Amino acid sequence: KPTCKDSEALVDLQYWNGDLVFIGSTYRIEDQNGTYIINATSTSFDSLTRNRACVPRDNSCYTFLIGNLIQWDPTLYVDTPSYNLFYDGKLISKGDSWLFGSIQFGDSCQPRCNQ
């Protein structure tokens, strides 16, 4: 686990691949300039991947994006992929069924037209 400075917050993205490895999700977190902080594609069968990074707290806005080839129904599959996204120790997003998803977080995010 990274040790963050007082001026930084820990971003902790936990991704469970489940038994649907052939589907493979791509996910990333980027800053307000579009620079990737975390960028990954799931590849392992029945595995938990944790991606962590210390990011500046002040005047910041981050975007989490996730995408998949299909959207599955977790009521039909036993072990579907899922994710939990924590920012500064707080759960800010989680999911177990998505085609595409995104969320902005940080203290300087401005609402987008679809939020």
PDB file of N, CA and C in Angstrom:
ATOM      1  N   LYS A   1       0.858  -1.182   0.000  1.00  0.00           N
ATOM      2  CA  LYS A   1       0.000   0.000   0.000  1.00  0.00           C
ATOM      3  C   LYS A   1       0.898   1.238   0.000  1.00  0.00           C
ATOM      4  N   PRO A   2       0.654   2.155  -0.932  1.00  0.00           N
ATOM      5  CA  PRO A   2       1.460   3.380  -0.938  1.00  0.00           C
ATOM      6  C   PRO A   2       1.192   4.237   0.295  1.00  0.00           C
ATOM      7  N   THR A   3       2.202   4.938   0.736  1.00  0.00           N
ATOM      8  CA  THR A   3       2.050   5.894   1.829  1.00  0.00           C
ATOM      9  C   THR A   3       1.898   7.273   1.207  1.00  0.00           C
ATOM     10  N   CYS A   4       0.721   7.847   1.362  1.00  0.00           N
ATOM     11  CA  CYS A   4       0.424   9.137   0.755  1.00  0.00           C
ATOM     12  C   CYS A   4       0.815  10.280   1.688  1.00  0.00           C
ATOM     13  N   LYS A   5       1.209  11.392   1.098  1.00  0.00           N
ATOM     14  CA  LYS A   5       1.499  12.609   1.857  1.00  0.00           C
ATOM     15  C   LYS A   5       0.185  13.205   2.364  1.00  0.00           C
ATOM     16  N   ASP A   6       0.275  14.143   3.302  1.00  0.00           N
ATOM     17  CA  ASP A   6      -0.933  14.795   3.824  1.00  0.00           C
ATOM     18  C   ASP A   6      -1.712  15.505   2.736  1.00  0.00           C
ATOM     19  N   SER A   7      -1.029  15.973   1.708  1.00  0.00           N
ATOM     20  CA  SER A   7      -1.678  16.706   0.617  1.00  0.00           C
ATOM     21  C   SER A   7      -2.230  15.770  -0.462  1.00  0.00           C
ATOM     22  N   GLU A   8      -2.134  14.447  -0.231  1.00  0.00           N
ATOM     23  CA  GLU A   8      -2.578  13.470  -1.223  1.00  0.00           C
ATOM     24  C   GLU A   8      -3.675  12.571  -0.659  1.00  0.00           C
ATOM     25  N   ALA A   9      -4.452  12.012  -1.561  1.00  0.00           N
ATOM     26  CA  ALA A   9      -5.485  11.042  -1.209  1.00  0.00           C
ATOM     27  C   ALA A   9      -5.144   9.722  -1.906  1.00  0.00           C
ATOM     28  N   LEU A  10      -5.517   8.622  -1.288  1.00  0.00           N
ATOM     29  CA  LEU A  10      -5.291   7.316  -1.882  1.00  0.00           C
ATOM     30  C   LEU A  10      -6.484   6.937  -2.751  1.00  0.00           C
ATOM     31  N   VAL A  11      -6.209   6.601  -4.005  1.00  0.00           N
ATOM     32  CA  VAL A  11      -7.201   6.011  -4.894  1.00  0.00           C
ATOM     33  C   VAL A  11      -6.944   4.512  -4.870  1.00  0.00           C
ATOM     34  N   ASP A  12      -7.983   3.737  -4.575  1.00  0.00           N
ATOM     35  CA  ASP A  12      -7.867   2.285  -4.462  1.00  0.00           C
ATOM     36  C   ASP A  12      -8.962   1.667  -5.323  1.00  0.00           C
ATOM     37  N   LEU A  13      -8.562   1.068  -6.435  1.00  0.00           N
ATOM     38  CA  LEU A  13      -9.496   0.425  -7.346  1.00  0.00           C
ATOM     39  C   LEU A  13      -9.317  -1.080  -7.233  1.00  0.00           C
ATOM     40  N   GLN A  14     -10.374  -1.758  -6.789  1.00  0.00           N
ATOM     41  CA  GLN A  14     -10.341  -3.207  -6.612  1.00  0.00           C
ATOM     42  C   GLN A  14     -11.227  -3.825  -7.691  1.00  0.00           C
ATOM     43  N   TYR A  15     -10.635  -4.707  -8.483  1.00  0.00           N
ATOM     44  CA  TYR A  15     -11.371  -5.326  -9.588  1.00  0.00           C
ATOM     45  C   TYR A  15     -11.323  -6.840  -9.445  1.00  0.00           C
ATOM     46  N   TRP A  16     -12.485  -7.459  -9.362  1.00  0.00           N
ATOM     47  CA  TRP A  16     -12.608  -8.916  -9.284  1.00  0.00           C
ATOM     48  C   TRP A  16     -13.008  -9.414 -10.663  1.00  0.00           C
ATOM     49  N   ASN A  17     -12.193 -10.274 -11.265  1.00  0.00           N
ATOM     50  CA  ASN A  17     -12.455 -10.728 -12.626  1.00  0.00           C
ATOM     51  C   ASN A  17     -13.517 -11.816 -12.702  1.00  0.00           C
ATOM     52  N   GLY A  18     -13.742 -12.542 -11.609  1.00  0.00           N
ATOM     53  CA  GLY A  18     -14.723 -13.624 -11.649  1.00  0.00           C
ATOM     54  C   GLY A  18     -14.300 -14.730 -12.584  1.00  0.00           C
ATOM     55  N   ASP A  19     -15.269 -15.519 -13.021  1.00  0.00           N
ATOM     56  CA  ASP A  19     -14.932 -16.633 -13.915  1.00  0.00           C
ATOM     57  C   ASP A  19     -15.226 -16.310 -15.376  1.00  0.00           C
ATOM     58  N   LEU A  20     -15.421 -15.039 -15.683  1.00  0.00           N
ATOM     59  CA  LEU A  20     -15.718 -14.636 -17.054  1.00  0.00           C
ATOM     60  C   LEU A  20     -14.520 -13.944 -17.680  1.00  0.00           C
ATOM     61  N   VAL A  21     -13.351 -14.563 -17.591  1.00  0.00           N
ATOM     62  CA  VAL A  21     -12.118 -13.948 -18.062  1.00  0.00           C
ATOM     63  C   VAL A  21     -12.154 -13.647 -19.552  1.00  0.00           C
ATOM     64  N   PHE A  22     -12.928 -14.398 -20.306  1.00  0.00           N
ATOM     65  CA  PHE A  22     -12.972 -14.184 -21.748  1.00  0.00           C
ATOM     66  C   PHE A  22     -13.608 -12.841 -22.101  1.00  0.00           C
ATOM     67  N   ILE A  23     -14.303 -12.230 -21.159  1.00  0.00           N
ATOM     68  CA  ILE A  23     -14.956 -10.947 -21.426  1.00  0.00           C
ATOM     69  C   ILE A  23     -13.952  -9.809 -21.285  1.00  0.00           C
ATOM     70  N   GLY A  24     -13.210  -9.775 -20.211  1.00  0.00           N
ATOM     71  CA  GLY A  24     -12.146  -8.802 -20.005  1.00  0.00           C
ATOM     72  C   GLY A  24     -12.560  -7.348 -20.072  1.00  0.00           C
ATOM     73  N   SER A  25     -12.565  -6.679 -18.957  1.00  0.00           N
ATOM     74  CA  SER A  25     -12.874  -5.253 -18.904  1.00  0.00           C
ATOM     75  C   SER A  25     -11.598  -4.420 -19.001  1.00  0.00           C
ATOM     76  N   THR A  26     -11.729  -3.247 -19.566  1.00  0.00           N
ATOM     77  CA  THR A  26     -10.663  -2.262 -19.574  1.00  0.00           C
ATOM     78  C   THR A  26     -11.111  -1.123 -18.689  1.00  0.00           C
ATOM     79  N   TYR A  27     -10.211  -0.642 -17.832  1.00  0.00           N
ATOM     80  CA  TYR A  27     -10.570   0.441 -16.929  1.00  0.00           C
ATOM     81  C   TYR A  27      -9.390   1.370 -16.737  1.00  0.00           C
ATOM     82  N   ARG A  28      -9.718   2.609 -16.404  1.00  0.00           N
ATOM     83  CA  ARG A  28      -8.666   3.581 -16.153  1.00  0.00           C
ATOM     84  C   ARG A  28      -9.187   4.713 -15.288  1.00  0.00           C
ATOM     85  N   ILE A  29      -8.232   5.399 -14.668  1.00  0.00           N
ATOM     86  CA  ILE A  29      -8.491   6.632 -13.937  1.00  0.00           C
ATOM     87  C   ILE A  29      -7.546   7.663 -14.519  1.00  0.00           C
ATOM     88  N   GLU A  30      -8.096   8.820 -14.858  1.00  0.00           N
ATOM     89  CA  GLU A  30      -7.265   9.880 -15.421  1.00  0.00           C
ATOM     90  C   GLU A  30      -7.516  11.180 -14.681  1.00  0.00           C
ATOM     91  N   ASP A  31      -6.522  12.075 -14.733  1.00  0.00           N
ATOM     92  CA  ASP A  31      -6.682  13.372 -14.087  1.00  0.00           C
ATOM     93  C   ASP A  31      -7.374  14.340 -15.042  1.00  0.00           C
ATOM     94  N   GLN A  32      -7.542  15.589 -14.598  1.00  0.00           N
ATOM     95  CA  GLN A  32      -8.300  16.553 -15.393  1.00  0.00           C
ATOM     96  C   GLN A  32      -7.598  16.949 -16.689  1.00  0.00           C
ATOM     97  N   ASN A  33      -6.323  16.594 -16.824  1.00  0.00           N
ATOM     98  CA  ASN A  33      -5.588  16.851 -18.068  1.00  0.00           C
ATOM     99  C   ASN A  33      -5.585  15.641 -19.004  1.00  0.00           C
ATOM    100  N   GLY A  34      -6.236  14.559 -18.577  1.00  0.00           N
ATOM    101  CA  GLY A  34      -6.285  13.355 -19.395  1.00  0.00           C
ATOM    102  C   GLY A  34      -5.109  12.416 -19.196  1.00  0.00           C
ATOM    103  N   THR A  35      -4.252  12.703 -18.218  1.00  0.00           N
ATOM    104  CA  THR A  35      -3.111  11.838 -17.921  1.00  0.00           C
ATOM    105  C   THR A  35      -3.591  10.612 -17.151  1.00  0.00           C
ATOM    106  N   TYR A  36      -3.187   9.432 -17.605  1.00  0.00           N
ATOM    107  CA  TYR A  36      -3.590   8.197 -16.938  1.00  0.00           C
ATOM    108  C   TYR A  36      -2.885   8.060 -15.597  1.00  0.00           C
ATOM    109  N   ILE A  37      -3.661   7.774 -14.574  1.00  0.00           N
ATOM    110  CA  ILE A  37      -3.131   7.464 -13.253  1.00  0.00           C
ATOM    111  C   ILE A  37      -3.113   5.943 -13.090  1.00  0.00           C
ATOM    112  N   ILE A  38      -4.187   5.308 -13.523  1.00  0.00           N
ATOM    113  CA  ILE A  38      -4.307   3.852 -13.552  1.00  0.00           C
ATOM    114  C   ILE A  38      -4.879   3.496 -14.914  1.00  0.00           C
ATOM    115  N   ASN A  39      -4.302   2.495 -15.558  1.00  0.00           N
ATOM    116  CA  ASN A  39      -4.781   2.056 -16.857  1.00  0.00           C
ATOM    117  C   ASN A  39      -4.536   0.559 -16.942  1.00  0.00           C
ATOM    118  N   ALA A  40      -5.603  -0.236 -17.028  1.00  0.00           N
ATOM    119  CA  ALA A  40      -5.415  -1.689 -16.981  1.00  0.00           C
ATOM    120  C   ALA A  40      -6.521  -2.412 -17.743  1.00  0.00           C
ATOM    121  N   THR A  41      -6.235  -3.647 -18.090  1.00  0.00           N
ATOM    122  CA  THR A  41      -7.202  -4.557 -18.682  1.00  0.00           C
ATOM    123  C   THR A  41      -7.158  -5.844 -17.874  1.00  0.00           C
ATOM    124  N   SER A  42      -8.330  -6.339 -17.498  1.00  0.00           N
ATOM    125  CA  SER A  42      -8.379  -7.578 -16.720  1.00  0.00           C
ATOM    126  C   SER A  42      -8.015  -8.750 -17.620  1.00  0.00           C
ATOM    127  N   THR A  43      -7.215  -9.654 -17.076  1.00  0.00           N
ATOM    128  CA  THR A  43      -6.773 -10.802 -17.867  1.00  0.00           C
ATOM    129  C   THR A  43      -6.767 -12.110 -17.081  1.00  0.00           C
ATOM    130  N   SER A  44      -6.846 -12.058 -15.798  1.00  0.00           N
ATOM    131  CA  SER A  44      -6.705 -13.273 -14.987  1.00  0.00           C
ATOM    132  C   SER A  44      -8.050 -13.858 -14.593  1.00  0.00           C
ATOM    133  N   PHE A  45      -8.098 -15.150 -14.508  1.00  0.00           N
ATOM    134  CA  PHE A  45      -9.286 -15.904 -14.132  1.00  0.00           C
ATOM    135  C   PHE A  45      -9.421 -15.949 -12.614  1.00  0.00           C
ATOM    136  N   ASP A  46     -10.607 -15.635 -12.100  1.00  0.00           N
ATOM    137  CA  ASP A  46     -10.872 -15.669 -10.660  1.00  0.00           C
ATOM    138  C   ASP A  46      -9.786 -14.955  -9.852  1.00  0.00           C
ATOM    139  N   SER A  47      -9.565 -13.690 -10.131  1.00  0.00           N
ATOM    140  CA  SER A  47      -8.519 -12.968  -9.418  1.00  0.00           C
ATOM    141  C   SER A  47      -8.972 -11.569  -9.040  1.00  0.00           C
ATOM    142  N   LEU A  48      -8.405 -11.076  -7.957  1.00  0.00           N
ATOM    143  CA  LEU A  48      -8.639  -9.711  -7.493  1.00  0.00           C
ATOM    144  C   LEU A  48      -7.407  -8.894  -7.850  1.00  0.00           C
ATOM    145  N   THR A  49      -7.632  -7.802  -8.557  1.00  0.00           N
ATOM    146  CA  THR A  49      -6.556  -6.880  -8.889  1.00  0.00           C
ATOM    147  C   THR A  49      -6.790  -5.605  -8.115  1.00  0.00           C
ATOM    148  N   ARG A  50      -5.750  -5.133  -7.426  1.00  0.00           N
ATOM    149  CA  ARG A  50      -5.841  -3.856  -6.708  1.00  0.00           C
ATOM    150  C   ARG A  50      -4.860  -2.894  -7.329  1.00  0.00           C
ATOM    151  N   ASN A  51      -5.381  -1.772  -7.769  1.00  0.00           N
ATOM    152  CA  ASN A  51      -4.559  -0.702  -8.315  1.00  0.00           C
ATOM    153  C   ASN A  51      -4.678   0.475  -7.361  1.00  0.00           C
ATOM    154  N   ARG A  52      -3.541   0.953  -6.866  1.00  0.00           N
ATOM    155  CA  ARG A  52      -3.548   2.049  -5.892  1.00  0.00           C
ATOM    156  C   ARG A  52      -2.605   3.143  -6.356  1.00  0.00           C
ATOM    157  N   ALA A  53      -2.987   4.374  -6.033  1.00  0.00           N
ATOM    158  CA  ALA A  53      -2.135   5.514  -6.376  1.00  0.00           C
ATOM    159  C   ALA A  53      -2.436   6.659  -5.425  1.00  0.00           C
ATOM    160  N   CYS A  54      -1.414   7.420  -5.079  1.00  0.00           N
ATOM    161  CA  CYS A  54      -1.574   8.648  -4.302  1.00  0.00           C
ATOM    162  C   CYS A  54      -1.744   9.790  -5.293  1.00  0.00           C
ATOM    163  N   VAL A  55      -2.782  10.592  -5.085  1.00  0.00           N
ATOM    164  CA  VAL A  55      -3.073  11.703  -6.001  1.00  0.00           C
ATOM    165  C   VAL A  55      -3.287  12.984  -5.193  1.00  0.00           C
ATOM    166  N   PRO A  56      -2.976  14.140  -5.787  1.00  0.00           N
ATOM    167  CA  PRO A  56      -3.210  15.403  -5.078  1.00  0.00           C
ATOM    168  C   PRO A  56      -4.684  15.578  -4.717  1.00  0.00           C
ATOM    169  N   ARG A  57      -4.932  16.110  -3.520  1.00  0.00           N
ATOM    170  CA  ARG A  57      -6.314  16.357  -3.067  1.00  0.00           C
ATOM    171  C   ARG A  57      -6.867  17.679  -3.586  1.00  0.00           C
ATOM    172  N   ASP A  58      -6.056  18.742  -3.492  1.00  0.00           N
ATOM    173  CA  ASP A  58      -6.542  20.091  -3.773  1.00  0.00           C
ATOM    174  C   ASP A  58      -6.627  20.362  -5.267  1.00  0.00           C
ATOM    175  N   ASN A  59      -7.673  21.113  -5.632  1.00  0.00           N
ATOM    176  CA  ASN A  59      -7.867  21.530  -7.021  1.00  0.00           C
ATOM    177  C   ASN A  59      -7.747  20.355  -7.984  1.00  0.00           C
ATOM    178  N   SER A  60      -8.441  19.283  -7.662  1.00  0.00           N
ATOM    179  CA  SER A  60      -8.303  18.083  -8.469  1.00  0.00           C
ATOM    180  C   SER A  60      -9.665  17.524  -8.877  1.00  0.00           C
ATOM    181  N   CYS A  61      -9.662  16.882 -10.022  1.00  0.00           N
ATOM    182  CA  CYS A  61     -10.834  16.162 -10.498  1.00  0.00           C
ATOM    183  C   CYS A  61     -10.319  14.960 -11.280  1.00  0.00           C
ATOM    184  N   TYR A  62     -10.825  13.808 -10.952  1.00  0.00           N
ATOM    185  CA  TYR A  62     -10.407  12.567 -11.580  1.00  0.00           C
ATOM    186  C   TYR A  62     -11.613  11.888 -12.204  1.00  0.00           C
ATOM    187  N   THR A  63     -11.360  11.133 -13.254  1.00  0.00           N
ATOM    188  CA  THR A  63     -12.428  10.408 -13.939  1.00  0.00           C
ATOM    189  C   THR A  63     -12.072   8.933 -13.976  1.00  0.00           C
ATOM    190  N   PHE A  64     -13.022   8.110 -13.528  1.00  0.00           N
ATOM    191  CA  PHE A  64     -12.905   6.663 -13.620  1.00  0.00           C
ATOM    192  C   PHE A  64     -13.760   6.217 -14.801  1.00  0.00           C
ATOM    193  N   LEU A  65     -13.182   5.429 -15.686  1.00  0.00           N
ATOM    194  CA  LEU A  65     -13.877   4.904 -16.866  1.00  0.00           C
ATOM    195  C   LEU A  65     -13.701   3.394 -16.900  1.00  0.00           C
ATOM    196  N   ILE A  66     -14.774   2.682 -17.241  1.00  0.00           N
ATOM    197  CA  ILE A  66     -14.700   1.229 -17.365  1.00  0.00           C
ATOM    198  C   ILE A  66     -15.561   0.812 -18.542  1.00  0.00           C
ATOM    199  N   GLY A  67     -15.100  -0.193 -19.274  1.00  0.00           N
ATOM    200  CA  GLY A  67     -15.844  -0.671 -20.426  1.00  0.00           C
ATOM    201  C   GLY A  67     -15.680  -2.154 -20.609  1.00  0.00           C
ATOM    202  N   ASN A  68     -16.659  -2.736 -21.290  1.00  0.00           N
ATOM    203  CA  ASN A  68     -16.665  -4.169 -21.511  1.00  0.00           C
ATOM    204  C   ASN A  68     -17.273  -4.465 -22.878  1.00  0.00           C
ATOM    205  N   LEU A  69     -17.074  -5.681 -23.353  1.00  0.00           N
ATOM    206  CA  LEU A  69     -17.645  -6.085 -24.637  1.00  0.00           C
ATOM    207  C   LEU A  69     -19.143  -6.307 -24.554  1.00  0.00           C
ATOM    208  N   ILE A  70     -19.610  -6.816 -23.412  1.00  0.00           N
ATOM    209  CA  ILE A  70     -21.035  -7.080 -23.209  1.00  0.00           C
ATOM    210  C   ILE A  70     -21.421  -6.646 -21.795  1.00  0.00           C
ATOM    211  N   GLN A  71     -22.709  -6.502 -21.564  1.00  0.00           N
ATOM    212  CA  GLN A  71     -23.205  -6.260 -20.212  1.00  0.00           C
ATOM    213  C   GLN A  71     -23.901  -7.537 -19.757  1.00  0.00           C
ATOM    214  N   TRP A  72     -23.413  -8.122 -18.687  1.00  0.00           N
ATOM    215  CA  TRP A  72     -23.963  -9.380 -18.209  1.00  0.00           C
ATOM    216  C   TRP A  72     -24.964  -9.125 -17.089  1.00  0.00           C
ATOM    217  N   ASP A  73     -25.805 -10.093 -16.881  1.00  0.00           N
ATOM    218  CA  ASP A  73     -26.811 -10.040 -15.830  1.00  0.00           C
ATOM    219  C   ASP A  73     -26.293 -10.854 -14.648  1.00  0.00           C
ATOM    220  N   PRO A  74     -25.971 -10.185 -13.503  1.00  0.00           N
ATOM    221  CA  PRO A  74     -25.420 -10.929 -12.369  1.00  0.00           C
ATOM    222  C   PRO A  74     -26.395 -11.943 -11.771  1.00  0.00           C
ATOM    223  N   THR A  75     -27.676 -11.874 -12.123  1.00  0.00           N
ATOM    224  CA  THR A  75     -28.620 -12.883 -11.630  1.00  0.00           C
ATOM    225  C   THR A  75     -28.530 -14.179 -12.439  1.00  0.00           C
ATOM    226  N   LEU A  76     -27.890 -14.102 -13.620  1.00  0.00           N
ATOM    227  CA  LEU A  76     -27.760 -15.291 -14.458  1.00  0.00           C
ATOM    228  C   LEU A  76     -26.419 -15.983 -14.313  1.00  0.00           C
ATOM    229  N   TYR A  77     -25.400 -15.257 -13.860  1.00  0.00           N
ATOM    230  CA  TYR A  77     -24.064 -15.810 -13.705  1.00  0.00           C
ATOM    231  C   TYR A  77     -23.706 -15.870 -12.223  1.00  0.00           C
ATOM    232  N   VAL A  78     -22.962 -16.889 -11.858  1.00  0.00           N
ATOM    233  CA  VAL A  78     -22.608 -17.082 -10.455  1.00  0.00           C
ATOM    234  C   VAL A  78     -21.477 -16.153 -10.019  1.00  0.00           C
ATOM    235  N   ASP A  79     -20.490 -15.982 -10.864  1.00  0.00           N
ATOM    236  CA  ASP A  79     -19.266 -15.298 -10.455  1.00  0.00           C
ATOM    237  C   ASP A  79     -18.902 -14.214 -11.466  1.00  0.00           C
ATOM    238  N   THR A  80     -19.675 -13.142 -11.485  1.00  0.00           N
ATOM    239  CA  THR A  80     -19.451 -12.078 -12.457  1.00  0.00           C
ATOM    240  C   THR A  80     -18.361 -11.114 -11.979  1.00  0.00           C
ATOM    241  N   PRO A  81     -17.725 -10.423 -12.916  1.00  0.00           N
ATOM    242  CA  PRO A  81     -16.769  -9.390 -12.539  1.00  0.00           C
ATOM    243  C   PRO A  81     -17.445  -8.280 -11.729  1.00  0.00           C
ATOM    244  N   SER A  82     -16.655  -7.623 -10.905  1.00  0.00           N
ATOM    245  CA  SER A  82     -17.170  -6.499 -10.120  1.00  0.00           C
ATOM    246  C   SER A  82     -16.001  -5.592  -9.752  1.00  0.00           C
ATOM    247  N   TYR A  83     -16.334  -4.374  -9.359  1.00  0.00           N
ATOM    248  CA  TYR A  83     -15.291  -3.450  -8.924  1.00  0.00           C
ATOM    249  C   TYR A  83     -15.784  -2.622  -7.744  1.00  0.00           C
ATOM    250  N   ASN A  84     -14.843  -2.132  -6.966  1.00  0.00           N
ATOM    251  CA  ASN A  84     -15.064  -1.161  -5.902  1.00  0.00           C
ATOM    252  C   ASN A  84     -14.014  -0.071  -6.075  1.00  0.00           C
ATOM    253  N   LEU A  85     -14.444   1.176  -6.057  1.00  0.00           N
ATOM    254  CA  LEU A  85     -13.530   2.301  -6.188  1.00  0.00           C
ATOM    255  C   LEU A  85     -13.604   3.140  -4.915  1.00  0.00           C
ATOM    256  N   PHE A  86     -12.457   3.277  -4.257  1.00  0.00           N
ATOM    257  CA  PHE A  86     -12.350   4.067  -3.032  1.00  0.00           C
ATOM    258  C   PHE A  86     -11.498   5.299  -3.304  1.00  0.00           C
ATOM    259  N   TYR A  87     -11.911   6.426  -2.718  1.00  0.00           N
ATOM    260  CA  TYR A  87     -11.126   7.657  -2.783  1.00  0.00           C
ATOM    261  C   TYR A  87     -11.005   8.193  -1.371  1.00  0.00           C
ATOM    262  N   ASP A  88      -9.789   8.313  -0.910  1.00  0.00           N
ATOM    263  CA  ASP A  88      -9.528   8.814   0.440  1.00  0.00           C
ATOM    264  C   ASP A  88     -10.259   7.980   1.500  1.00  0.00           C
ATOM    265  N   GLY A  89     -10.309   6.674   1.278  1.00  0.00           N
ATOM    266  CA  GLY A  89     -10.918   5.756   2.234  1.00  0.00           C
ATOM    267  C   GLY A  89     -12.419   5.598   2.133  1.00  0.00           C
ATOM    268  N   LYS A  90     -13.064   6.322   1.223  1.00  0.00           N
ATOM    269  CA  LYS A  90     -14.528   6.249   1.084  1.00  0.00           C
ATOM    270  C   LYS A  90     -14.896   5.558  -0.220  1.00  0.00           C
ATOM    271  N   LEU A  91     -15.860   4.633  -0.133  1.00  0.00           N
ATOM    272  CA  LEU A  91     -16.363   3.967  -1.329  1.00  0.00           C
ATOM    273  C   LEU A  91     -17.150   4.987  -2.147  1.00  0.00           C
ATOM    274  N   ILE A  92     -16.728   5.223  -3.390  1.00  0.00           N
ATOM    275  CA  ILE A  92     -17.422   6.213  -4.211  1.00  0.00           C
ATOM    276  C   ILE A  92     -18.134   5.587  -5.402  1.00  0.00           C
ATOM    277  N   SER A  93     -17.786   4.344  -5.735  1.00  0.00           N
ATOM    278  CA  SER A  93     -18.476   3.681  -6.838  1.00  0.00           C
ATOM    279  C   SER A  93     -18.231   2.185  -6.738  1.00  0.00           C
ATOM    280  N   LYS A  94     -19.245   1.416  -7.139  1.00  0.00           N
ATOM    281  CA  LYS A  94     -19.094  -0.029  -7.224  1.00  0.00           C
ATOM    282  C   LYS A  94     -20.043  -0.529  -8.291  1.00  0.00           C
ATOM    283  N   GLY A  95     -19.734  -1.673  -8.848  1.00  0.00           N
ATOM    284  CA  GLY A  95     -20.602  -2.207  -9.885  1.00  0.00           C
ATOM    285  C   GLY A  95     -20.357  -3.678 -10.129  1.00  0.00           C
ATOM    286  N   ASP A  96     -21.401  -4.357 -10.617  1.00  0.00           N
ATOM    287  CA  ASP A  96     -21.263  -5.753 -10.998  1.00  0.00           C
ATOM    288  C   ASP A  96     -21.981  -6.041 -12.316  1.00  0.00           C
ATOM    289  N   SER A  97     -22.376  -4.973 -13.033  1.00  0.00           N
ATOM    290  CA  SER A  97     -22.999  -5.140 -14.342  1.00  0.00           C
ATOM    291  C   SER A  97     -22.880  -3.811 -15.083  1.00  0.00           C
ATOM    292  N   TRP A  98     -22.067  -3.771 -16.127  1.00  0.00           N
ATOM    293  CA  TRP A  98     -21.895  -2.536 -16.881  1.00  0.00           C
ATOM    294  C   TRP A  98     -21.482  -2.865 -18.305  1.00  0.00           C
ATOM    295  N   LEU A  99     -21.776  -1.971 -19.188  1.00  0.00           N
ATOM    296  CA  LEU A  99     -21.232  -2.006 -20.529  1.00  0.00           C
ATOM    297  C   LEU A  99     -20.150  -0.928 -20.601  1.00  0.00           C
ATOM    298  N   PHE A 100     -20.556   0.280 -20.239  1.00  0.00           N
ATOM    299  CA  PHE A 100     -19.636   1.392 -20.060  1.00  0.00           C
ATOM    300  C   PHE A 100     -20.048   2.135 -18.803  1.00  0.00           C
ATOM    301  N   GLY A 101     -19.106   2.646 -18.078  1.00  0.00           N
ATOM    302  CA  GLY A 101     -19.421   3.415 -16.884  1.00  0.00           C
ATOM    303  C   GLY A 101     -18.369   4.466 -16.647  1.00  0.00           C
ATOM    304  N   SER A 102     -18.761   5.541 -15.981  1.00  0.00           N
ATOM    305  CA  SER A 102     -17.797   6.577 -15.615  1.00  0.00           C
ATOM    306  C   SER A 102     -18.313   7.343 -14.409  1.00  0.00           C
ATOM    307  N   ILE A 103     -17.379   7.878 -13.663  1.00  0.00           N
ATOM    308  CA  ILE A 103     -17.710   8.726 -12.527  1.00  0.00           C
ATOM    309  C   ILE A 103     -16.559   9.708 -12.338  1.00  0.00           C
ATOM    310  N   GLN A 104     -16.898  10.931 -11.959  1.00  0.00           N
ATOM    311  CA  GLN A 104     -15.878  11.919 -11.616  1.00  0.00           C
ATOM    312  C   GLN A 104     -15.823  12.044 -10.107  1.00  0.00           C
ATOM    313  N   PHE A 105     -14.618  12.280  -9.581  1.00  0.00           N
ATOM    314  CA  PHE A 105     -14.452  12.461  -8.147  1.00  0.00           C
ATOM    315  C   PHE A 105     -13.280  13.384  -7.884  1.00  0.00           C
ATOM    316  N   GLY A 106     -13.286  14.016  -6.742  1.00  0.00           N
ATOM    317  CA  GLY A 106     -12.270  14.996  -6.357  1.00  0.00           C
ATOM    318  C   GLY A 106     -12.962  16.292  -5.951  1.00  0.00           C
ATOM    319  N   ASP A 107     -12.195  17.218  -5.383  1.00  0.00           N
ATOM    320  CA  ASP A 107     -12.830  18.420  -4.828  1.00  0.00           C
ATOM    321  C   ASP A 107     -13.087  19.529  -5.850  1.00  0.00           C
ATOM    322  N   SER A 108     -12.603  19.386  -7.082  1.00  0.00           N
ATOM    323  CA  SER A 108     -12.786  20.456  -8.071  1.00  0.00           C
ATOM    324  C   SER A 108     -13.570  20.008  -9.299  1.00  0.00           C
ATOM    325  N   CYS A 109     -14.343  18.953  -9.181  1.00  0.00           N
ATOM    326  CA  CYS A 109     -15.116  18.488 -10.330  1.00  0.00           C
ATOM    327  C   CYS A 109     -16.340  19.377 -10.539  1.00  0.00           C
ATOM    328  N   GLN A 110     -16.581  19.710 -11.782  1.00  0.00           N
ATOM    329  CA  GLN A 110     -17.766  20.460 -12.160  1.00  0.00           C
ATOM    330  C   GLN A 110     -18.777  19.469 -12.728  1.00  0.00           C
ATOM    331  N   PRO A 111     -20.054  19.639 -12.414  1.00  0.00           N
ATOM    332  CA  PRO A 111     -21.056  18.720 -12.968  1.00  0.00           C
ATOM    333  C   PRO A 111     -21.018  18.713 -14.492  1.00  0.00           C
ATOM    334  N   ARG A 112     -21.157  17.528 -15.073  1.00  0.00           N
ATOM    335  CA  ARG A 112     -21.249  17.409 -16.514  1.00  0.00           C
ATOM    336  C   ARG A 112     -22.717  17.477 -16.900  1.00  0.00           C
ATOM    337  N   CYS A 113     -22.994  17.664 -18.160  1.00  0.00           N
ATOM    338  CA  CYS A 113     -24.383  17.856 -18.594  1.00  0.00           C
ATOM    339  C   CYS A 113     -25.266  16.643 -18.330  1.00  0.00           C
ATOM    340  N   ASN A 114     -24.683  15.447 -18.190  1.00  0.00           N
ATOM    341  CA  ASN A 114     -25.497  14.253 -17.949  1.00  0.00           C
ATOM    342  C   ASN A 114     -25.531  13.841 -16.472  1.00  0.00           C
ATOM    343  N   GLN A 115     -25.104  14.719 -15.570  1.00  0.00           N
ATOM    344  CA  GLN A 115     -25.128  14.366 -14.143  1.00  0.00           C
ATOM    345  C   GLN A 115     -26.012  15.307 -13.373  1.00  0.00           C
TER     346      GLN A 115
END
